[in-house]
Amino acid sequence: MGLRMTENGRRTAVVLAGGEGRRLKPYTTVLPKPLMPLGQHPVLEIVLRQLALFGFSDVILAVGYLAQLIEAYVGDGSRFGVNVRYSREENRLGTAGPLRRIERLPDSFLVMNGDILTDMDFAALWNAHASSGAALTVASIRKTETMEFGVLDIAEDGRVLRYTEKPQRSVDISTGIYAVSRAALTRIPEDKPFDFPDLVAKLLEEGERVMAYKADCLWLDIGRIEDYELAVELYSSSPERFLGSLKPDTYSV
């Protein structure tokens, strides 16, 4: 797929890497969640290399918790194929709040959490956003869940109309990956906690166009122990699925 470049021929991504990772404690007591290893490589390194593969040359890391460890590991990003600069938050600002503090953002940019393992085509998301004219595009996936209980449909008079044992339902969920137009940032308050659901609600309330990019991909948020363990298994067994033609001996250790 061809890559649509920005006016100056460069693409920018903001990676949110400031959370405490409370659900992964005690591991994250001494290690920030984006540096949790999947085999030999931290998830953040995988994210940065993927961004480079899809044509993103400039990355801003929004850091907070244990920021010094992330900065020491990533440095200027050159060994991962990107140019990295940092934006530090002293107080928790949510998922969208840190964007308001970042200077020199281009007209459009990618935003994603730094604790995601995915084989999503970031270039396809970027191109979909660029052609839509939307203020914001949310990358989504279809997820099917099985209820743990038998579900009753009950009439007003108490009669049971249907009994379904452990039914399934499918929903579209946000992946925590977005393409954002800079104009959307004016809806984010300064130095106050503000999350992406808040930003989407505000944009919709004001009549702005918000699009969904329906991705057909593997996606894992490693925020829970069971998801982290699955991510380790998947990446260790098939790193080429996530990093394409990069040879294992080119990865940093």
Protein backbone atom coordinates (compact mmCIF):
# COMPACT_ATOMS: atom_id res chain seq x y z
CA MET A 1 0.00 0.00 0.00
CA GLY A 2 1.30 3.42 -0.89
CA LEU A 3 2.06 5.86 1.89
CA ARG A 4 0.53 9.33 1.79
CA MET A 5 3.07 11.74 3.21
CA THR A 6 2.43 14.98 5.02
CA GLU A 7 3.31 18.26 3.35
CA ASN A 8 6.90 18.13 4.58
CA GLY A 9 7.21 14.45 3.72
CA ARG A 10 7.22 13.33 7.37
CA ARG A 11 4.75 11.54 9.57
CA THR A 12 4.33 11.99 13.32
CA ALA A 13 3.00 9.66 16.00
CA VAL A 14 2.36 10.34 19.67
CA VAL A 15 2.84 7.29 21.89
CA LEU A 16 1.21 7.45 25.32
CA ALA A 17 3.65 5.88 27.76
CA GLY A 18 2.94 7.58 31.08
CA GLY A 19 0.59 5.20 32.89
CA GLU A 20 1.39 3.30 36.07
CA GLY A 21 0.15 -0.09 34.89
CA ARG A 22 -1.56 -0.87 38.19
CA ARG A 23 -3.17 -4.08 36.94
CA LEU A 24 0.30 -5.49 36.20
CA LYS A 25 1.71 -4.95 39.67
CA PRO A 26 4.05 -6.06 41.19
CA TYR A 27 5.92 -6.09 37.82
CA THR A 28 5.26 -2.40 37.18
CA THR A 29 6.47 -1.38 40.63
CA VAL A 30 9.98 -1.24 39.21
CA LEU A 31 9.31 -1.20 35.45
CA PRO A 32 6.96 1.05 33.45
CA LYS A 33 4.37 -0.93 31.50
CA PRO A 34 5.72 0.04 28.03
CA LEU A 35 9.06 -1.58 28.96
CA MET A 36 7.48 -4.90 29.92
CA PRO A 37 9.31 -7.52 27.85
CA LEU A 38 7.64 -9.70 25.26
CA GLY A 39 10.38 -12.29 25.00
CA GLN A 40 13.62 -10.34 24.54
CA HIS A 41 12.07 -7.03 23.50
CA PRO A 42 9.97 -4.45 25.37
CA VAL A 43 6.55 -3.79 23.88
CA LEU A 44 7.50 -0.13 23.36
CA GLU A 45 10.43 -1.13 21.18
CA ILE A 46 8.12 -3.24 19.04
CA VAL A 47 5.72 -0.29 18.69
CA LEU A 48 8.51 2.09 17.66
CA ARG A 49 9.88 -0.32 15.06
CA GLN A 50 6.39 -0.87 13.65
CA LEU A 51 5.85 2.88 13.33
CA ALA A 52 9.12 3.15 11.41
CA LEU A 53 8.05 0.32 9.09
CA PHE A 54 4.81 2.18 8.27
CA GLY A 55 6.52 5.44 7.43
CA PHE A 56 6.36 7.35 10.71
CA SER A 57 9.67 9.15 11.14
CA ASP A 58 8.91 11.37 14.16
CA VAL A 59 7.60 10.09 17.50
CA ILE A 60 6.70 12.00 20.65
CA LEU A 61 6.66 9.88 23.78
CA ALA A 62 4.25 11.25 26.40
CA VAL A 63 5.83 9.98 29.61
CA GLY A 64 5.17 10.29 33.33
CA TYR A 65 5.54 7.28 35.61
CA LEU A 66 9.19 6.10 35.72
CA ALA A 67 9.88 8.37 32.75
CA GLN A 68 13.62 8.26 33.33
CA LEU A 69 13.73 4.52 32.58
CA ILE A 70 11.88 4.96 29.29
CA GLU A 71 14.12 7.86 28.28
CA ALA A 72 17.25 5.90 29.15
CA TYR A 73 16.14 2.88 27.10
CA VAL A 74 14.75 4.66 24.03
CA GLY A 75 17.13 7.63 23.85
CA ASP A 76 16.69 9.60 20.63
CA GLY A 77 15.02 6.60 18.93
CA SER A 78 17.61 6.32 16.18
CA ARG A 79 18.36 2.65 16.81
CA PHE A 80 14.67 1.90 16.22
CA GLY A 81 14.46 3.92 13.01
CA VAL A 82 12.60 6.98 14.37
CA ASN A 83 13.36 10.42 15.81
CA VAL A 84 12.05 10.61 19.37
CA ARG A 85 11.32 13.60 21.58
CA TYR A 86 9.58 13.59 24.94
CA SER A 87 6.70 15.32 26.65
CA ARG A 88 6.62 14.89 30.43
CA GLU A 89 3.47 15.18 32.52
CA GLU A 90 3.81 15.89 36.22
CA ASN A 91 0.16 15.09 36.98
CA ARG A 92 -2.13 12.52 35.45
CA LEU A 93 -3.84 13.99 32.41
CA GLY A 94 -5.67 10.95 31.03
CA THR A 95 -5.25 9.66 27.49
CA ALA A 96 -6.11 12.83 25.55
CA GLY A 97 -4.95 15.47 28.05
CA PRO A 98 -1.21 15.10 27.29
CA LEU A 99 -1.79 16.13 23.65
CA ARG A 100 -2.61 19.71 24.65
CA ARG A 101 0.88 20.10 26.16
CA ILE A 102 2.81 18.93 23.10
CA GLU A 103 4.27 21.65 20.91
CA ARG A 104 4.79 21.61 17.13
CA LEU A 105 2.26 18.93 16.28
CA PRO A 106 1.48 18.69 12.53
CA ASP A 107 -1.96 19.07 10.98
CA SER A 108 -2.59 15.32 11.38
CA PHE A 109 -0.86 12.73 13.52
CA LEU A 110 -1.26 9.24 14.95
CA VAL A 111 -1.89 8.62 18.66
CA MET A 112 -1.59 5.23 20.32
CA ASN A 113 -1.03 3.62 23.67
CA GLY A 114 2.47 2.32 24.25
CA ASP A 115 1.38 -1.02 25.71
CA ILE A 116 -0.34 -2.59 22.68
CA LEU A 117 0.70 -5.63 20.68
CA THR A 118 -0.90 -5.56 17.24
CA ASP A 119 -0.22 -6.29 13.59
CA MET A 120 -2.48 -3.44 12.46
CA ASP A 121 -1.59 -1.62 9.24
CA PHE A 122 -0.92 1.89 10.58
CA ALA A 123 -0.48 3.22 7.03
CA ALA A 124 -3.99 2.09 6.09
CA LEU A 125 -5.41 3.85 9.16
CA TRP A 126 -3.49 7.01 8.25
CA ASN A 127 -4.70 6.94 4.64
CA ALA A 128 -8.32 6.34 5.71
CA HIS A 129 -8.18 9.36 8.00
CA ALA A 130 -6.51 11.55 5.38
CA SER A 131 -9.22 10.80 2.81
CA SER A 132 -12.15 11.18 5.22
CA GLY A 133 -11.77 14.80 6.29
CA ALA A 134 -12.62 13.73 9.84
CA ALA A 135 -11.52 15.53 12.99
CA LEU A 136 -10.63 12.15 14.49
CA THR A 137 -10.57 8.53 13.36
CA VAL A 138 -10.81 5.68 15.88
CA ALA A 139 -9.24 2.36 14.94
CA SER A 140 -11.63 -0.39 15.99
CA ILE A 141 -11.84 -4.16 15.94
CA ARG A 142 -14.80 -6.53 16.16
CA LYS A 143 -14.79 -8.51 19.39
CA THR A 144 -17.07 -11.42 20.29
CA GLU A 145 -17.65 -12.17 23.95
CA THR A 146 -19.42 -15.09 25.62
CA MET A 147 -21.62 -14.32 28.61
CA GLU A 148 -20.83 -16.47 31.62
CA PHE A 149 -24.49 -16.90 32.57
CA GLY A 150 -27.79 -18.07 31.20
CA VAL A 151 -29.75 -15.03 29.94
CA LEU A 152 -33.53 -14.68 30.32
CA ASP A 153 -35.91 -12.60 28.21
CA ILE A 154 -38.81 -11.86 30.57
CA ALA A 155 -42.20 -10.37 29.72
CA GLU A 156 -43.76 -7.64 31.85
CA ASP A 157 -46.05 -10.20 33.54
CA GLY A 158 -43.07 -12.35 34.55
CA ARG A 159 -43.37 -15.02 31.83
CA VAL A 160 -40.08 -16.33 30.50
CA LEU A 161 -40.01 -15.78 26.74
CA ARG A 162 -36.58 -17.15 26.05
CA TYR A 163 -33.71 -18.79 27.92
CA THR A 164 -30.30 -18.62 26.24
CA GLU A 165 -27.36 -20.36 27.86
CA LYS A 166 -24.10 -18.38 27.65
CA PRO A 167 -25.00 -16.32 24.57
CA GLN A 168 -22.41 -14.52 22.48
CA ARG A 169 -22.47 -10.89 21.45
CA SER A 170 -20.26 -9.00 19.02
CA VAL A 171 -19.32 -5.35 19.45
CA ASP A 172 -16.92 -2.86 17.88
CA ILE A 173 -14.33 -1.73 20.41
CA SER A 174 -11.71 0.99 20.39
CA THR A 175 -8.13 -0.20 20.11
CA GLY A 176 -6.58 2.87 21.71
CA ILE A 177 -5.13 3.84 18.32
CA TYR A 178 -6.30 7.07 16.66
CA ALA A 179 -5.58 9.40 13.77
CA VAL A 180 -6.15 12.97 14.93
CA SER A 181 -6.45 16.31 13.16
CA ARG A 182 -4.80 19.14 15.08
CA ALA A 183 -8.02 21.20 15.07
CA ALA A 184 -9.52 18.62 17.46
CA LEU A 185 -7.04 19.64 20.15
CA THR A 186 -8.89 22.86 20.89
CA ARG A 187 -11.56 20.75 22.64
CA ILE A 188 -9.04 19.45 25.18
CA PRO A 189 -8.80 21.53 28.38
CA GLU A 190 -5.35 22.62 29.51
CA ASP A 191 -3.72 20.79 32.43
CA LYS A 192 -6.84 18.81 33.33
CA PRO A 193 -7.49 15.06 33.06
CA PHE A 194 -9.24 14.33 29.76
CA ASP A 195 -9.64 11.00 28.01
CA PHE A 196 -10.31 10.06 24.41
CA PRO A 197 -13.96 9.10 25.13
CA ASP A 198 -14.37 12.67 26.45
CA LEU A 199 -12.81 14.07 23.28
CA VAL A 200 -15.01 11.96 21.00
CA ALA A 201 -18.12 13.00 22.94
CA LYS A 202 -17.14 16.66 22.70
CA LEU A 203 -16.48 16.47 18.96
CA LEU A 204 -19.80 14.72 18.31
CA GLU A 205 -21.63 17.24 20.49
CA GLU A 206 -20.23 20.05 18.35
CA GLY A 207 -21.16 18.35 15.10
CA GLU A 208 -17.63 17.38 14.07
CA ARG A 209 -17.01 14.31 11.96
CA VAL A 210 -15.60 11.29 13.81
CA MET A 211 -14.87 8.15 11.79
CA ALA A 212 -14.11 4.54 12.63
CA TYR A 213 -11.42 2.57 10.85
CA LYS A 214 -12.47 -1.09 11.11
CA ALA A 215 -9.24 -3.04 11.30
CA ASP A 216 -8.92 -6.76 10.63
CA CYS A 217 -5.94 -7.54 12.82
CA LEU A 218 -4.62 -9.09 15.98
CA TRP A 219 -4.78 -6.70 18.92
CA LEU A 220 -3.88 -7.10 22.58
CA ASP A 221 -3.78 -4.55 25.36
CA ILE A 222 -1.23 -5.98 27.81
CA GLY A 223 -2.81 -4.23 30.80
CA ARG A 224 -3.97 -7.48 32.42
CA ILE A 225 -1.77 -10.39 33.50
CA GLU A 226 -3.57 -12.91 31.28
CA ASP A 227 -3.32 -10.64 28.21
CA TYR A 228 0.33 -9.95 28.92
CA GLU A 229 1.09 -13.68 29.10
CA LEU A 230 -0.73 -14.26 25.81
CA ALA A 231 1.20 -11.39 24.19
CA VAL A 232 4.50 -12.92 25.31
CA GLU A 233 3.49 -16.24 23.77
CA LEU A 234 2.35 -14.73 20.48
CA TYR A 235 5.32 -12.44 19.97
CA SER A 236 7.93 -15.00 21.03
CA SER A 237 6.53 -17.61 18.63
CA SER A 238 6.21 -15.28 15.62
CA PRO A 239 8.08 -11.93 15.84
CA GLU A 240 8.00 -11.58 12.05
CA ARG A 241 4.21 -11.25 12.22
CA PHE A 242 4.69 -7.92 13.97
CA LEU A 243 7.98 -6.69 12.52
CA GLY A 244 7.77 -7.88 8.94
CA SER A 245 11.07 -8.42 7.17
CA LEU A 246 13.29 -7.21 10.01
CA LYS A 247 15.78 -9.92 10.89
CA PRO A 248 15.95 -11.06 14.54
CA ASP A 249 19.63 -10.13 14.71
CA THR A 250 18.74 -6.50 13.91
CA TYR A 251 16.63 -6.16 17.03
CA SER A 252 18.22 -4.57 20.05
CA VAL A 253 18.59 -6.67 23.19
